Amino acid sequence: MMTLWAVFAAMLLLAIVIILWPLAVYKGSKDTHPEVSQKQENIDIFQERLTELENEQAQGNLDEASFLHLKTELEKNLLGDVQFVTDTVNNRPAQAGAMHWLVMGGTACLLVIASILTYQALGASDLYERYLAIADEPVPVQHNANKAAPDFASAVTALKAKLAQEPENIENWFLLANSYMAMGDYPQAAAVYKKMADIIGKDNSGYASAKAAYAQTLFQIAGEQMTAEAQQALDEALRVDPEEPTALILQGLQDYQNERYTQAIAVWEKAKIKGGKAQVQRFIEPAIIEARRKMGEPAAIAEKPQIQTADTNAASITVKLDISPDFKAKLNPEERIFVFAKAKMPMPLAAERLQVKDLPVTIILDDTKAAMPTAKLSSAEFVEITARVALSGSPRAAKGDMYATAEHVAVQQGVEITLMIDKLVE
């Protein structure tokens, strides 16, 4: 640990020297810098921003309409700027005085303080590793009782820090809610689900799922009793999406508790339409069997499998994935690759994690690969498939990552696509 801090101190000292060195060696000068045309500066700024917009469009972050709108605004601004008489800027180096030393010395002190505080808040290696572990595994994992429980408190701290920088990141909000649920802190989890619904908005995919999760958490907080607030959230989820599986399961539970077994069975059968395979096998089918027993049906009839209302195998996409030889030659075989399917909702509907050494490979994206239990591949008609080599180790895109994308892929037809990773994130 002492070695680590010694390295930190040496790097900070070097940074301070770099900041203060120009003042120490500067003796003033009578020469002036060449005059710079203000018009040319405006043109240079315009070209830089236009290049950024073109890169954003190439990466798929801007559609054609948004790109043209922003480009038009840039052109208007440029036209307004260059109509004025060309100004020139005559920069004459000034003699370094006490005020310069005071400002630069203060900057150096702030650099040291900010570096230490940043490390204490975000840079601890154990905290960072825990955050990456959770960020890379969005689906909750069942741990063996004999193994030590993960430190969810540290994960919550890391996620809160991340959300302070990116408050619109639905993936991190979902991870935060899952962490609270794992800790048994249902009130905090409910607050996060409610926040997610507000961020997503009623008109977007995923809103009903967030509302249903909110209702389910309130139901658990009340000791598995339906409160007025939970009922309101449940009704809102079903109004937006009448086939939302979590909401239907919760509604069926309410009918079951009130001994309305026929209604409960009908609702749970409907929940199979979008319910994942795990939901159907672990809860819906056993619940239907138990309700039939309550109605007095013989065990043999009650336990007879019912006709499935949804073909979960139909909601699948086969992806043949490879990477260009030029890219592969530059990469470590252990580098991570994230493959995910997205619709309108920011949260992936299905995701798979690989390594460069696994390529070429054929994978299947379906409801069993759902990143969020209430947002599955079968809930969308068309998705965008992206495969990304994440050099930073994070699922979020970063400069230098390599990727391939397929747009408007149908999910209900068992289609097969081929992706070749041959593009670079600029």
Protein backbone atom coordinates (compact mmCIF):
# COMPACT_ATOMS: atom_id res chain seq x y z
CA MET A 1 0.00 0.00 0.00
CA MET A 2 2.90 2.37 0.77
CA THR A 3 4.24 1.77 -2.72
CA LEU A 4 0.87 2.73 -4.19
CA TRP A 5 0.77 5.99 -2.24
CA ALA A 6 4.39 6.73 -3.17
CA VAL A 7 3.49 6.40 -6.84
CA PHE A 8 0.48 8.68 -6.32
CA ALA A 9 2.67 11.29 -4.60
CA ALA A 10 5.24 11.16 -7.39
CA MET A 11 2.56 11.61 -10.06
CA LEU A 12 1.00 14.55 -8.19
CA LEU A 13 4.41 16.16 -7.78
CA LEU A 14 5.06 15.79 -11.49
CA ALA A 15 1.66 17.37 -12.25
CA ILE A 16 2.48 20.35 -9.98
CA VAL A 17 5.85 20.82 -11.65
CA ILE A 18 4.19 20.80 -15.08
CA ILE A 19 1.68 23.43 -13.91
CA LEU A 20 4.23 25.75 -12.28
CA TRP A 21 7.23 25.26 -14.59
CA PRO A 22 6.13 27.79 -17.25
CA LEU A 23 5.95 30.52 -14.58
CA ALA A 24 9.33 29.59 -13.15
CA VAL A 25 11.18 29.80 -16.47
CA TYR A 26 9.20 32.64 -18.08
CA LYS A 27 11.04 35.96 -18.20
CA GLY A 28 8.67 37.95 -20.34
CA SER A 29 8.97 38.88 -24.00
CA LYS A 30 8.53 41.93 -26.14
CA ASP A 31 7.47 39.88 -29.16
CA THR A 32 3.86 39.49 -30.01
CA HIS A 33 2.03 36.46 -31.30
CA PRO A 34 0.70 36.59 -34.85
CA GLU A 35 -2.73 38.06 -35.14
CA VAL A 36 -5.51 35.49 -35.33
CA SER A 37 -8.62 36.04 -37.47
CA GLN A 38 -11.82 35.75 -35.41
CA LYS A 39 -13.66 34.65 -38.52
CA GLN A 40 -11.22 31.78 -39.06
CA GLU A 41 -11.64 30.73 -35.43
CA ASN A 42 -15.42 30.58 -35.89
CA ILE A 43 -15.01 28.49 -39.04
CA ASP A 44 -12.64 26.10 -37.25
CA ILE A 45 -15.12 25.68 -34.38
CA PHE A 46 -17.92 25.03 -36.87
CA GLN A 47 -15.90 22.32 -38.63
CA GLU A 48 -15.04 20.63 -35.34
CA ARG A 49 -18.66 20.51 -34.20
CA LEU A 50 -19.86 19.30 -37.59
CA THR A 51 -17.31 16.46 -37.43
CA GLU A 52 -18.62 15.51 -33.97
CA LEU A 53 -22.20 15.39 -35.29
CA GLU A 54 -21.16 13.21 -38.24
CA ASN A 55 -19.41 10.81 -35.85
CA GLU A 56 -22.51 10.65 -33.66
CA GLN A 57 -24.64 9.87 -36.72
CA ALA A 58 -22.20 7.19 -37.91
CA GLN A 59 -22.39 5.49 -34.51
CA GLY A 60 -26.18 5.45 -34.61
CA ASN A 61 -26.64 7.92 -31.73
CA LEU A 62 -28.41 10.46 -34.02
CA ASP A 63 -31.12 9.78 -36.55
CA GLU A 64 -31.18 11.60 -39.89
CA ALA A 65 -33.77 14.19 -38.80
CA SER A 66 -31.90 15.13 -35.63
CA PHE A 67 -28.61 15.32 -37.53
CA LEU A 68 -30.03 17.66 -40.17
CA HIS A 69 -31.64 19.85 -37.51
CA LEU A 70 -28.42 20.23 -35.51
CA LYS A 71 -26.38 20.80 -38.67
CA THR A 72 -28.77 23.58 -39.73
CA GLU A 73 -28.41 25.26 -36.33
CA LEU A 74 -24.62 25.14 -36.63
CA GLU A 75 -24.74 26.70 -40.08
CA LYS A 76 -27.03 29.49 -38.85
CA ASN A 77 -24.65 30.25 -35.99
CA LEU A 78 -21.68 30.32 -38.34
CA LEU A 79 -23.47 32.66 -40.74
CA GLY A 80 -24.28 35.05 -37.90
CA ASP A 81 -20.69 35.01 -36.64
CA VAL A 82 -18.93 35.66 -39.94
CA GLN A 83 -21.17 38.61 -40.91
CA PHE A 84 -19.20 40.87 -38.56
CA VAL A 85 -15.97 42.63 -39.47
CA THR A 86 -13.01 40.41 -38.89
CA ASP A 87 -11.52 41.05 -35.49
CA THR A 88 -8.00 40.21 -34.59
CA VAL A 89 -6.61 39.09 -31.32
CA ASN A 90 -3.21 40.37 -30.36
CA ASN A 91 -1.92 38.25 -27.52
CA ARG A 92 1.10 39.79 -25.84
CA PRO A 93 2.75 37.61 -23.21
CA ALA A 94 2.73 39.37 -19.87
CA GLN A 95 5.38 39.26 -17.19
CA ALA A 96 4.59 36.58 -14.58
CA GLY A 97 3.73 38.34 -11.34
CA ALA A 98 2.51 37.51 -7.84
CA MET A 99 -1.08 37.08 -9.00
CA HIS A 100 -0.03 34.50 -11.58
CA TRP A 101 1.82 32.52 -8.93
CA LEU A 102 -1.15 32.75 -6.59
CA VAL A 103 -3.60 31.49 -9.20
CA MET A 104 -1.40 28.66 -10.42
CA GLY A 105 -0.43 27.68 -6.86
CA GLY A 106 -4.10 27.53 -5.93
CA THR A 107 -4.76 25.38 -8.97
CA ALA A 108 -2.01 22.97 -7.94
CA CYS A 109 -3.44 22.71 -4.40
CA LEU A 110 -6.92 22.04 -5.77
CA LEU A 111 -5.46 19.33 -8.00
CA VAL A 112 -3.96 17.55 -5.00
CA ILE A 113 -7.11 17.84 -2.88
CA ALA A 114 -9.43 16.79 -5.72
CA SER A 115 -7.25 13.77 -6.54
CA ILE A 116 -7.28 12.53 -2.93
CA LEU A 117 -11.03 13.06 -2.51
CA THR A 118 -11.77 11.36 -5.84
CA TYR A 119 -9.71 8.34 -4.86
CA GLN A 120 -11.42 8.09 -1.47
CA ALA A 121 -14.87 8.27 -3.09
CA LEU A 122 -14.44 6.21 -6.27
CA GLY A 123 -10.94 4.90 -6.67
CA ALA A 124 -10.72 2.16 -4.03
CA SER A 125 -9.93 -1.00 -5.96
CA ASP A 126 -12.26 -3.27 -3.97
CA LEU A 127 -15.17 -0.87 -4.48
CA TYR A 128 -14.47 -0.58 -8.19
CA GLU A 129 -14.32 -4.34 -8.64
CA ARG A 130 -17.65 -4.77 -6.86
CA TYR A 131 -19.23 -2.15 -9.09
CA LEU A 132 -17.96 -3.80 -12.27
CA ALA A 133 -19.17 -7.18 -11.07
CA ILE A 134 -22.70 -5.87 -10.64
CA ALA A 135 -22.69 -3.75 -13.80
CA ASP A 136 -21.62 -6.73 -15.90
CA GLU A 137 -24.22 -9.10 -14.40
CA PRO A 138 -27.61 -7.37 -14.55
CA VAL A 139 -29.55 -10.56 -13.80
CA PRO A 140 -29.65 -11.36 -10.06
CA VAL A 141 -27.67 -14.46 -9.18
CA GLN A 142 -28.71 -16.98 -6.54
CA HIS A 143 -25.82 -17.55 -4.17
CA ASN A 144 -25.11 -20.72 -2.30
CA ALA A 145 -25.95 -20.41 1.38
CA ASN A 146 -22.46 -21.54 2.32
CA LYS A 147 -20.80 -18.72 0.37
CA ALA A 148 -20.27 -15.24 1.72
CA ALA A 149 -22.95 -12.74 0.71
CA PRO A 150 -21.82 -9.97 -1.64
CA ASP A 151 -21.29 -6.50 -0.22
CA PHE A 152 -24.36 -4.81 -1.67
CA ALA A 153 -23.84 -1.72 0.48
CA SER A 154 -20.64 -0.96 -1.42
CA ALA A 155 -22.40 -1.62 -4.71
CA VAL A 156 -25.15 0.83 -3.75
CA THR A 157 -22.54 3.48 -2.95
CA ALA A 158 -20.82 2.98 -6.30
CA LEU A 159 -24.08 3.05 -8.24
CA LYS A 160 -25.24 6.23 -6.51
CA ALA A 161 -21.99 7.92 -7.47
CA LYS A 162 -22.43 6.79 -11.06
CA LEU A 163 -26.05 7.97 -11.18
CA ALA A 164 -25.02 11.39 -9.88
CA GLN A 165 -23.05 11.74 -13.12
CA GLU A 166 -25.60 10.00 -15.39
CA PRO A 167 -29.07 10.47 -13.82
CA GLU A 168 -30.88 9.23 -16.96
CA ASN A 169 -29.10 5.84 -17.06
CA ILE A 170 -31.96 3.32 -16.66
CA GLU A 171 -29.56 0.35 -16.50
CA ASN A 172 -27.89 1.72 -13.38
CA TRP A 173 -31.24 2.61 -11.79
CA PHE A 174 -32.32 -1.00 -12.31
CA LEU A 175 -29.09 -2.31 -10.79
CA LEU A 176 -29.60 -0.02 -7.80
CA ALA A 177 -33.15 -1.30 -7.27
CA ASN A 178 -31.93 -4.90 -7.48
CA SER A 179 -29.23 -4.16 -4.91
CA TYR A 180 -31.78 -2.73 -2.49
CA MET A 181 -34.01 -5.76 -3.03
CA ALA A 182 -31.10 -8.10 -2.30
CA MET A 183 -30.43 -6.16 0.91
CA GLY A 184 -34.09 -6.42 1.93
CA ASP A 185 -34.49 -2.63 1.81
CA TYR A 186 -37.86 -2.65 0.04
CA PRO A 187 -38.80 1.02 0.68
CA GLN A 188 -35.62 2.19 -1.06
CA ALA A 189 -36.19 -0.30 -3.89
CA ALA A 190 -39.76 0.98 -4.31
CA ALA A 191 -38.51 4.56 -4.51
CA VAL A 192 -36.02 3.59 -7.23
CA TYR A 193 -38.67 1.74 -9.29
CA LYS A 194 -40.93 4.78 -9.05
CA LYS A 195 -38.04 7.01 -10.19
CA MET A 196 -37.39 4.66 -13.13
CA ALA A 197 -41.01 4.93 -14.27
CA ASP A 198 -40.83 8.74 -14.13
CA ILE A 199 -37.61 8.79 -16.19
CA ILE A 200 -38.88 6.33 -18.83
CA GLY A 201 -42.26 8.07 -19.30
CA LYS A 202 -45.70 6.64 -20.07
CA ASP A 203 -45.21 6.62 -23.83
CA ASN A 204 -42.04 4.51 -23.84
CA SER A 205 -41.38 0.79 -23.64
CA GLY A 206 -40.45 -0.31 -20.14
CA TYR A 207 -42.80 2.05 -18.31
CA ALA A 208 -45.32 -0.71 -17.53
CA SER A 209 -42.54 -3.00 -16.30
CA ALA A 210 -41.19 -0.35 -13.93
CA LYS A 211 -44.70 0.42 -12.63
CA ALA A 212 -45.38 -3.29 -12.08
CA ALA A 213 -42.10 -3.72 -10.17
CA TYR A 214 -43.05 -0.68 -8.06
CA ALA A 215 -46.46 -2.20 -7.28
CA GLN A 216 -44.90 -5.57 -6.43
CA THR A 217 -42.43 -3.95 -4.02
CA LEU A 218 -45.20 -2.00 -2.27
CA PHE A 219 -47.14 -5.28 -2.02
CA GLN A 220 -44.17 -6.89 -0.24
CA ILE A 221 -43.68 -3.91 2.07
CA ALA A 222 -47.32 -4.23 3.19
CA GLY A 223 -46.86 -7.88 4.14
CA GLU A 224 -48.22 -9.19 0.82
CA GLN A 225 -51.34 -7.04 1.08
CA MET A 226 -52.61 -4.78 -1.68
CA THR A 227 -52.51 -1.13 -0.60
CA ALA A 228 -54.23 1.72 -2.43
CA GLU A 229 -50.90 2.99 -3.78
CA ALA A 230 -49.89 -0.48 -4.97
CA GLN A 231 -53.28 -0.96 -6.63
CA GLN A 232 -52.94 2.37 -8.42
CA ALA A 233 -49.49 1.43 -9.75
CA LEU A 234 -50.80 -2.02 -10.77
CA ASP A 235 -53.76 -0.53 -12.65
CA GLU A 236 -51.46 1.94 -14.41
CA ALA A 237 -49.10 -0.85 -15.53
CA LEU A 238 -51.98 -2.93 -16.95
CA ARG A 239 -53.53 0.11 -18.61
CA VAL A 240 -50.30 0.73 -20.54
CA ASP A 241 -49.60 -2.98 -21.20
CA PRO A 242 -52.48 -5.44 -20.47
CA GLU A 243 -50.07 -8.37 -20.90
CA GLU A 244 -47.33 -7.14 -18.50
CA PRO A 245 -46.39 -10.41 -16.72
CA THR A 246 -45.34 -9.06 -13.30
CA ALA A 247 -48.52 -7.00 -13.03
CA LEU A 248 -50.67 -9.98 -14.04
CA ILE A 249 -48.95 -12.24 -11.52
CA LEU A 250 -49.64 -9.68 -8.80
CA GLN A 251 -53.27 -9.31 -9.86
CA GLY A 252 -53.65 -13.09 -9.81
CA LEU A 253 -52.24 -13.18 -6.27
CA GLN A 254 -54.84 -10.66 -5.18
CA ASP A 255 -57.63 -12.82 -6.70
CA TYR A 256 -56.16 -15.91 -5.06
CA GLN A 257 -56.05 -14.26 -1.62
CA ASN A 258 -59.71 -13.31 -2.03
CA GLU A 259 -60.53 -16.93 -3.00
CA ARG A 260 -61.42 -15.95 -6.56
CA TYR A 261 -59.56 -18.96 -7.90
CA THR A 262 -61.13 -19.01 -11.37
CA GLN A 263 -60.15 -15.39 -11.98
CA ALA A 264 -56.67 -16.01 -10.59
CA ILE A 265 -56.12 -18.95 -12.95
CA ALA A 266 -57.34 -16.91 -15.95
CA VAL A 267 -55.01 -14.03 -15.09
CA TRP A 268 -52.00 -16.31 -14.57
CA GLU A 269 -52.68 -18.07 -17.88
CA LYS A 270 -52.60 -14.64 -19.54
CA ALA A 271 -49.31 -13.85 -17.77
CA LYS A 272 -47.69 -16.69 -19.74
CA ILE A 273 -47.96 -14.65 -22.95
CA LYS A 274 -45.00 -12.44 -22.03
CA GLY A 275 -43.78 -14.25 -18.94
CA GLY A 276 -40.30 -15.69 -19.11
CA LYS A 277 -39.59 -19.40 -18.94
CA ALA A 278 -38.35 -19.11 -15.35
CA GLN A 279 -41.48 -17.20 -14.28
CA VAL A 280 -43.75 -19.80 -15.85
CA GLN A 281 -41.93 -22.81 -14.41
CA ARG A 282 -41.13 -21.49 -10.93
CA PHE A 283 -44.27 -19.55 -10.11
CA ILE A 284 -47.12 -19.41 -12.62
CA GLU A 285 -47.59 -23.16 -13.22
CA PRO A 286 -47.26 -24.12 -9.50
CA ALA A 287 -49.65 -21.28 -8.59
CA ILE A 288 -52.23 -22.49 -11.13
CA ILE A 289 -51.94 -26.05 -9.82
CA GLU A 290 -52.45 -24.86 -6.25
CA ALA A 291 -55.48 -22.76 -7.27
CA ARG A 292 -57.04 -25.76 -9.02
CA ARG A 293 -56.52 -27.82 -5.88
CA LYS A 294 -58.26 -25.13 -3.86
CA MET A 295 -61.19 -25.47 -6.28
CA GLY A 296 -61.37 -29.17 -5.43
CA GLU A 297 -60.01 -30.65 -8.64
CA PRO A 298 -58.33 -34.08 -8.35
CA ALA A 299 -54.55 -33.93 -8.06
CA ALA A 300 -54.02 -35.69 -11.39
CA ILE A 301 -56.09 -33.06 -13.20
CA ALA A 302 -54.68 -30.16 -11.23
CA GLU A 303 -51.10 -31.17 -12.00
CA LYS A 304 -51.73 -31.82 -15.70
CA PRO A 305 -49.72 -29.26 -17.70
CA GLN A 306 -51.91 -26.62 -19.29
CA ILE A 307 -51.65 -25.52 -22.90
CA GLN A 308 -48.98 -22.89 -23.25
CA THR A 309 -50.32 -19.57 -24.50
CA ALA A 310 -46.92 -18.42 -25.70
CA ASP A 311 -44.13 -20.07 -27.61
CA THR A 312 -41.05 -18.76 -25.84
CA ASN A 313 -38.81 -20.43 -28.42
CA ALA A 314 -40.33 -18.19 -31.14
CA ALA A 315 -38.91 -15.08 -29.48
CA SER A 316 -35.27 -15.78 -30.31
CA ILE A 317 -32.49 -14.50 -32.52
CA THR A 318 -29.51 -16.59 -33.61
CA VAL A 319 -26.37 -14.50 -33.95
CA LYS A 320 -23.28 -15.69 -35.81
CA LEU A 321 -20.55 -13.46 -34.46
CA ASP A 322 -16.96 -12.89 -35.59
CA ILE A 323 -14.39 -10.09 -35.65
CA SER A 324 -12.21 -8.77 -38.46
CA PRO A 325 -8.70 -10.29 -38.53
CA ASP A 326 -7.09 -6.84 -38.29
CA PHE A 327 -8.95 -6.03 -35.06
CA LYS A 328 -8.43 -9.49 -33.59
CA ALA A 329 -4.67 -9.27 -34.10
CA LYS A 330 -4.52 -6.14 -31.94
CA LEU A 331 -6.61 -7.49 -29.05
CA ASN A 332 -5.92 -9.48 -25.92
CA PRO A 333 -7.84 -12.79 -26.14
CA GLU A 334 -9.30 -12.04 -22.68
CA GLU A 335 -10.97 -8.77 -23.76
CA ARG A 336 -14.70 -8.75 -23.05
CA ILE A 337 -17.42 -8.68 -25.69
CA PHE A 338 -20.98 -7.65 -24.88
CA VAL A 339 -23.80 -8.71 -27.21
CA PHE A 340 -27.21 -7.23 -26.50
CA ALA A 341 -30.62 -6.60 -28.04
CA LYS A 342 -32.40 -3.30 -27.44
CA ALA A 343 -35.76 -1.86 -28.45
CA LYS A 344 -36.96 1.61 -27.40
CA MET A 345 -36.14 0.98 -23.74
CA PRO A 346 -32.54 1.76 -22.69
CA MET A 347 -32.33 -1.51 -20.73
CA PRO A 348 -31.28 -4.45 -22.97
CA LEU A 349 -34.00 -7.04 -23.55
CA ALA A 350 -31.40 -9.79 -23.91
CA ALA A 351 -27.65 -9.85 -23.32
CA GLU A 352 -24.69 -12.19 -23.60
CA ARG A 353 -21.08 -11.75 -22.45
CA LEU A 354 -18.16 -13.33 -24.30
CA GLN A 355 -14.41 -12.96 -24.80
CA VAL A 356 -12.39 -12.34 -27.94
CA LYS A 357 -10.94 -15.85 -27.72
CA ASP A 358 -14.47 -17.29 -28.08
CA LEU A 359 -14.84 -15.96 -31.64
CA PRO A 360 -16.13 -17.03 -34.07
CA VAL A 361 -19.21 -18.21 -32.18
CA THR A 362 -22.95 -18.72 -32.63
CA ILE A 363 -25.22 -17.57 -29.79
CA ILE A 364 -28.97 -17.41 -29.25
CA LEU A 365 -30.64 -14.37 -27.70
CA ASP A 366 -34.03 -15.18 -26.14
CA ASP A 367 -36.08 -14.59 -22.99
CA THR A 368 -33.67 -16.64 -20.87
CA LYS A 369 -31.03 -13.96 -21.54
CA ALA A 370 -33.24 -11.11 -20.27
CA ALA A 371 -31.38 -8.34 -18.44
CA MET A 372 -34.54 -7.32 -16.57
CA PRO A 373 -37.14 -9.92 -15.45
CA THR A 374 -40.01 -7.72 -16.61
CA ALA A 375 -38.48 -6.60 -19.92
CA LYS A 376 -37.87 -9.54 -22.23
CA LEU A 377 -37.09 -10.10 -25.88
CA SER A 378 -40.63 -11.43 -26.49
CA SER A 379 -42.05 -8.03 -25.47
CA ALA A 380 -40.69 -6.38 -28.64
CA GLU A 381 -41.42 -6.92 -32.31
CA PHE A 382 -38.13 -5.54 -33.65
CA VAL A 383 -34.80 -4.87 -31.93
CA GLU A 384 -31.33 -3.59 -32.64
CA ILE A 385 -28.51 -6.09 -32.06
CA THR A 386 -25.08 -4.75 -31.08
CA ALA A 387 -21.84 -6.59 -30.38
CA ARG A 388 -19.11 -4.50 -28.75
CA VAL A 389 -15.54 -5.23 -27.67
CA ALA A 390 -15.38 -3.27 -24.40
CA LEU A 391 -11.75 -2.32 -23.81
CA SER A 392 -12.74 -0.57 -20.57
CA GLY A 393 -14.51 -3.69 -19.29
CA SER A 394 -17.81 -1.78 -19.00
CA PRO A 395 -20.93 -2.45 -21.11
CA ARG A 396 -21.19 1.26 -21.93
CA ALA A 397 -19.55 2.38 -25.17
CA ALA A 398 -16.21 4.18 -24.89
CA LYS A 399 -13.79 5.66 -27.40
CA GLY A 400 -11.66 2.95 -28.96
CA ASP A 401 -14.22 0.15 -28.54
CA MET A 402 -14.92 -2.03 -31.56
CA TYR A 403 -18.47 -2.91 -32.57
CA ALA A 404 -21.00 -4.18 -35.10
CA THR A 405 -24.73 -3.43 -35.26
CA ALA A 406 -27.79 -4.92 -36.97
CA GLU A 407 -30.94 -2.78 -36.98
CA HIS A 408 -34.65 -3.65 -37.17
CA VAL A 409 -34.24 -7.37 -36.50
CA ALA A 410 -37.48 -9.34 -36.04
CA VAL A 411 -37.61 -11.36 -32.81
CA GLN A 412 -40.71 -13.50 -33.30
CA GLN A 413 -39.46 -15.43 -36.31
CA GLY A 414 -36.35 -17.16 -34.99
CA VAL A 415 -34.22 -15.28 -37.51
CA GLU A 416 -30.50 -15.78 -37.97
CA ILE A 417 -28.09 -12.89 -38.50
CA THR A 418 -24.33 -12.52 -39.01
CA LEU A 419 -22.34 -9.80 -37.26
CA MET A 420 -18.74 -8.91 -38.12
CA ILE A 421 -17.08 -6.58 -35.62
CA ASP A 422 -15.26 -4.18 -37.92
CA LYS A 423 -16.14 -0.65 -36.75
CA LEU A 424 -14.44 1.61 -34.23
CA VAL A 425 -16.11 3.91 -31.70
CA GLU A 426 -14.66 7.37 -32.32
